[in-house]
């Protein structure tokens, strides 16, 4: 995993939390993948506010999805192991 600035100047500053019905500004990326259907290089991202960061990460972890939480605007190359 490497943390790098998001492409195209997307710093996440205008992103909204991915939790249902939450309209707060996202300050975190919850990077994850479904290992049953995606290889290690496929990274999906949910955005999270401070309140929902742990909730969203835990939701994915209980389903055995690898998860890496980073600050908004930081991307990762891969999630989990090959």
N, C-alpha and C. Protein backbone atom coordinates (compact mmCIF):
# COMPACT_ATOMS: atom_id res chain seq x y z
N UNK A 1 0.84 -1.18 0.00
CA UNK A 1 0.00 0.00 0.00
C UNK A 1 0.88 1.23 0.00
N UNK A 2 0.55 2.17 -0.84
CA UNK A 2 1.24 3.44 -0.83
C UNK A 2 0.22 4.55 -0.78
N UNK A 3 0.46 5.54 0.02
CA UNK A 3 -0.44 6.67 0.09
C UNK A 3 0.05 7.77 -0.82
N UNK A 4 -0.79 8.18 -1.73
CA UNK A 4 -0.44 9.25 -2.67
C UNK A 4 -1.63 10.18 -2.81
N UNK A 5 -1.38 11.37 -3.26
CA UNK A 5 -2.47 12.30 -3.50
C UNK A 5 -3.40 11.75 -4.57
N UNK A 6 -4.67 12.03 -4.43
CA UNK A 6 -5.65 11.56 -5.40
C UNK A 6 -5.41 12.20 -6.75
N UNK A 7 -5.75 11.47 -7.85
CA UNK A 7 -5.55 12.02 -9.19
C UNK A 7 -6.49 13.17 -9.49
N UNK A 8 -6.16 13.94 -10.48
CA UNK A 8 -7.00 15.03 -10.99
C UNK A 8 -7.34 16.07 -9.94
N UNK A 9 -6.48 16.24 -8.94
CA UNK A 9 -6.71 17.27 -7.95
C UNK A 9 -7.86 16.99 -7.00
N UNK A 10 -8.40 15.80 -7.00
CA UNK A 10 -9.50 15.45 -6.11
C UNK A 10 -8.97 15.26 -4.70
N UNK A 11 -9.17 16.27 -3.85
CA UNK A 11 -8.68 16.17 -2.48
C UNK A 11 -9.78 15.71 -1.54
N UNK A 12 -10.95 15.40 -2.06
CA UNK A 12 -12.05 14.93 -1.25
C UNK A 12 -12.77 16.04 -0.50
N UNK A 13 -12.38 17.29 -0.71
CA UNK A 13 -12.93 18.41 0.04
C UNK A 13 -14.43 18.58 -0.15
N UNK A 14 -14.96 18.18 -1.28
CA UNK A 14 -16.39 18.35 -1.53
C UNK A 14 -17.16 17.03 -1.42
N UNK A 15 -16.49 15.95 -1.05
CA UNK A 15 -17.14 14.65 -0.97
C UNK A 15 -18.08 14.57 0.22
N UNK A 16 -19.14 13.82 0.05
CA UNK A 16 -20.15 13.61 1.08
C UNK A 16 -20.01 12.18 1.61
N UNK A 17 -20.25 12.00 2.89
CA UNK A 17 -20.18 10.68 3.53
C UNK A 17 -21.07 9.67 2.81
N UNK A 18 -20.58 8.44 2.68
CA UNK A 18 -21.31 7.37 1.99
C UNK A 18 -22.38 6.70 2.84
N UNK A 19 -22.40 6.97 4.14
CA UNK A 19 -23.41 6.37 5.01
C UNK A 19 -24.78 6.88 4.59
N UNK A 20 -25.76 5.97 4.52
CA UNK A 20 -27.10 6.33 4.10
C UNK A 20 -27.64 7.51 4.90
N UNK A 21 -28.17 8.48 4.20
CA UNK A 21 -28.81 9.67 4.75
C UNK A 21 -27.86 10.65 5.45
N UNK A 22 -26.57 10.39 5.45
CA UNK A 22 -25.62 11.34 6.04
C UNK A 22 -25.24 12.36 4.98
N UNK A 23 -25.27 13.61 5.32
CA UNK A 23 -24.93 14.68 4.37
C UNK A 23 -23.68 15.44 4.81
N UNK A 24 -22.95 14.88 5.78
CA UNK A 24 -21.74 15.55 6.27
C UNK A 24 -20.60 15.43 5.26
N UNK A 25 -19.66 16.37 5.38
CA UNK A 25 -18.48 16.34 4.52
C UNK A 25 -17.60 15.16 4.94
N UNK A 26 -17.14 14.41 3.96
CA UNK A 26 -16.28 13.25 4.21
C UNK A 26 -14.86 13.71 4.47
N UNK A 27 -14.25 13.13 5.50
CA UNK A 27 -12.86 13.43 5.82
C UNK A 27 -11.98 12.20 5.70
N UNK A 28 -12.58 11.08 5.35
CA UNK A 28 -11.87 9.80 5.28
C UNK A 28 -12.26 9.04 4.03
N UNK A 29 -11.31 8.23 3.54
CA UNK A 29 -11.59 7.23 2.50
C UNK A 29 -11.58 5.86 3.16
N UNK A 30 -12.62 5.11 2.94
CA UNK A 30 -12.65 3.71 3.38
C UNK A 30 -12.40 2.90 2.11
N UNK A 31 -11.16 2.47 1.93
CA UNK A 31 -10.72 1.74 0.73
C UNK A 31 -10.95 0.26 0.97
N UNK A 32 -11.58 -0.42 0.03
CA UNK A 32 -11.90 -1.82 0.23
C UNK A 32 -12.03 -2.54 -1.09
N UNK A 33 -12.15 -3.87 -1.00
CA UNK A 33 -12.45 -4.68 -2.19
C UNK A 33 -13.13 -5.96 -1.75
N UNK A 34 -13.85 -6.56 -2.67
CA UNK A 34 -14.47 -7.86 -2.44
C UNK A 34 -13.53 -8.91 -3.05
N UNK A 35 -12.79 -9.65 -2.21
CA UNK A 35 -11.79 -10.58 -2.75
C UNK A 35 -12.39 -11.76 -3.51
N UNK A 36 -13.68 -11.99 -3.38
CA UNK A 36 -14.32 -13.09 -4.12
C UNK A 36 -14.52 -12.75 -5.59
N UNK A 37 -14.54 -11.45 -5.90
CA UNK A 37 -14.78 -11.07 -7.30
C UNK A 37 -13.75 -10.11 -7.88
N UNK A 38 -12.88 -9.52 -7.03
CA UNK A 38 -11.89 -8.57 -7.53
C UNK A 38 -10.48 -8.98 -7.13
N UNK A 39 -9.52 -8.72 -8.03
CA UNK A 39 -8.12 -8.98 -7.66
C UNK A 39 -7.61 -7.85 -6.78
N UNK A 40 -6.40 -8.01 -6.29
CA UNK A 40 -5.84 -7.08 -5.30
C UNK A 40 -5.75 -5.64 -5.80
N UNK A 41 -5.63 -5.44 -7.10
CA UNK A 41 -5.47 -4.08 -7.62
C UNK A 41 -6.79 -3.30 -7.70
N UNK A 42 -7.91 -3.98 -7.55
CA UNK A 42 -9.22 -3.30 -7.61
C UNK A 42 -9.52 -2.69 -6.25
N UNK A 43 -9.56 -1.38 -6.16
CA UNK A 43 -9.84 -0.69 -4.91
C UNK A 43 -11.13 0.12 -5.07
N UNK A 44 -12.09 -0.16 -4.22
CA UNK A 44 -13.32 0.62 -4.18
C UNK A 44 -13.19 1.58 -3.00
N UNK A 45 -13.85 2.72 -3.09
CA UNK A 45 -13.73 3.73 -2.04
C UNK A 45 -15.11 4.22 -1.61
N UNK A 46 -15.34 4.15 -0.30
CA UNK A 46 -16.47 4.82 0.31
C UNK A 46 -15.91 6.02 1.04
N UNK A 47 -16.60 7.11 1.03
CA UNK A 47 -16.19 8.31 1.76
C UNK A 47 -16.89 8.30 3.12
N UNK A 48 -16.22 8.83 4.14
CA UNK A 48 -16.79 8.80 5.49
C UNK A 48 -16.50 10.09 6.26
N UNK A 49 -17.48 10.52 7.03
CA UNK A 49 -17.27 11.60 7.97
C UNK A 49 -16.65 10.99 9.24
N UNK A 50 -16.26 11.83 10.19
CA UNK A 50 -15.67 11.32 11.43
C UNK A 50 -16.62 10.35 12.14
N UNK A 51 -17.89 10.69 12.18
CA UNK A 51 -18.86 9.87 12.90
C UNK A 51 -19.03 8.47 12.30
N UNK A 52 -18.97 8.35 10.99
CA UNK A 52 -19.27 7.07 10.33
C UNK A 52 -18.07 6.29 9.83
N UNK A 53 -16.87 6.81 10.02
CA UNK A 53 -15.66 6.12 9.56
C UNK A 53 -15.58 4.69 10.11
N UNK A 54 -15.65 4.53 11.41
CA UNK A 54 -15.54 3.20 12.01
C UNK A 54 -16.72 2.31 11.65
N UNK A 55 -17.92 2.89 11.58
CA UNK A 55 -19.11 2.13 11.21
C UNK A 55 -18.95 1.50 9.82
N UNK A 56 -18.54 2.31 8.85
CA UNK A 56 -18.41 1.80 7.48
C UNK A 56 -17.28 0.78 7.36
N UNK A 57 -16.15 1.02 8.01
CA UNK A 57 -15.04 0.07 7.98
C UNK A 57 -15.46 -1.26 8.63
N UNK A 58 -16.12 -1.18 9.77
CA UNK A 58 -16.55 -2.39 10.47
C UNK A 58 -17.57 -3.18 9.63
N UNK A 59 -18.48 -2.48 8.97
CA UNK A 59 -19.47 -3.12 8.11
C UNK A 59 -18.78 -4.00 7.06
N UNK A 60 -17.73 -3.49 6.45
CA UNK A 60 -17.00 -4.24 5.43
C UNK A 60 -16.15 -5.35 6.04
N UNK A 61 -15.50 -5.08 7.16
CA UNK A 61 -14.64 -6.08 7.80
C UNK A 61 -15.42 -7.29 8.27
N UNK A 62 -16.66 -7.09 8.73
CA UNK A 62 -17.47 -8.23 9.18
C UNK A 62 -17.86 -9.13 8.02
N UNK A 63 -17.72 -8.65 6.80
CA UNK A 63 -18.00 -9.44 5.61
C UNK A 63 -16.71 -10.01 5.01
N UNK A 64 -15.62 -9.91 5.77
CA UNK A 64 -14.30 -10.41 5.36
C UNK A 64 -13.72 -9.69 4.15
N UNK A 65 -14.09 -8.43 3.97
CA UNK A 65 -13.50 -7.62 2.92
C UNK A 65 -12.28 -6.91 3.51
N UNK A 66 -11.14 -6.92 2.82
CA UNK A 66 -10.00 -6.15 3.30
C UNK A 66 -10.31 -4.66 3.21
N UNK A 67 -9.88 -3.93 4.25
CA UNK A 67 -10.19 -2.50 4.37
C UNK A 67 -8.94 -1.74 4.81
N UNK A 68 -8.73 -0.58 4.19
CA UNK A 68 -7.69 0.35 4.62
C UNK A 68 -8.33 1.73 4.67
N UNK A 69 -8.26 2.39 5.82
CA UNK A 69 -8.83 3.73 5.97
C UNK A 69 -7.70 4.75 5.83
N UNK A 70 -7.93 5.75 4.98
CA UNK A 70 -6.96 6.82 4.78
C UNK A 70 -7.68 8.16 4.88
N UNK A 71 -6.91 9.21 5.02
CA UNK A 71 -7.49 10.55 4.99
C UNK A 71 -8.06 10.81 3.60
N UNK A 72 -9.07 11.67 3.52
CA UNK A 72 -9.64 12.05 2.23
C UNK A 72 -8.53 12.62 1.36
N UNK A 73 -8.54 12.27 0.09
CA UNK A 73 -7.52 12.77 -0.83
C UNK A 73 -6.29 11.88 -0.92
N UNK A 74 -6.23 10.84 -0.12
CA UNK A 74 -5.11 9.89 -0.17
C UNK A 74 -5.62 8.59 -0.79
N UNK A 75 -4.96 8.11 -1.82
CA UNK A 75 -5.38 6.88 -2.48
C UNK A 75 -4.40 5.75 -2.15
N UNK A 76 -4.84 4.53 -2.38
CA UNK A 76 -3.98 3.36 -2.20
C UNK A 76 -3.96 2.57 -3.49
N UNK A 77 -2.85 1.85 -3.72
CA UNK A 77 -2.69 1.06 -4.93
C UNK A 77 -3.43 -0.27 -4.86
N UNK A 78 -3.55 -0.82 -3.64
CA UNK A 78 -4.16 -2.15 -3.46
C UNK A 78 -4.66 -2.26 -2.03
N UNK A 79 -5.60 -3.19 -1.82
CA UNK A 79 -6.13 -3.47 -0.49
C UNK A 79 -6.09 -4.97 -0.27
N UNK A 80 -5.47 -5.39 0.82
CA UNK A 80 -5.38 -6.81 1.12
C UNK A 80 -4.13 -7.43 0.54
N UNK A 81 -4.09 -8.75 0.59
CA UNK A 81 -2.93 -9.49 0.08
C UNK A 81 -3.33 -10.31 -1.13
N UNK A 82 -2.35 -10.61 -1.95
CA UNK A 82 -2.60 -11.38 -3.18
C UNK A 82 -2.86 -12.83 -2.88
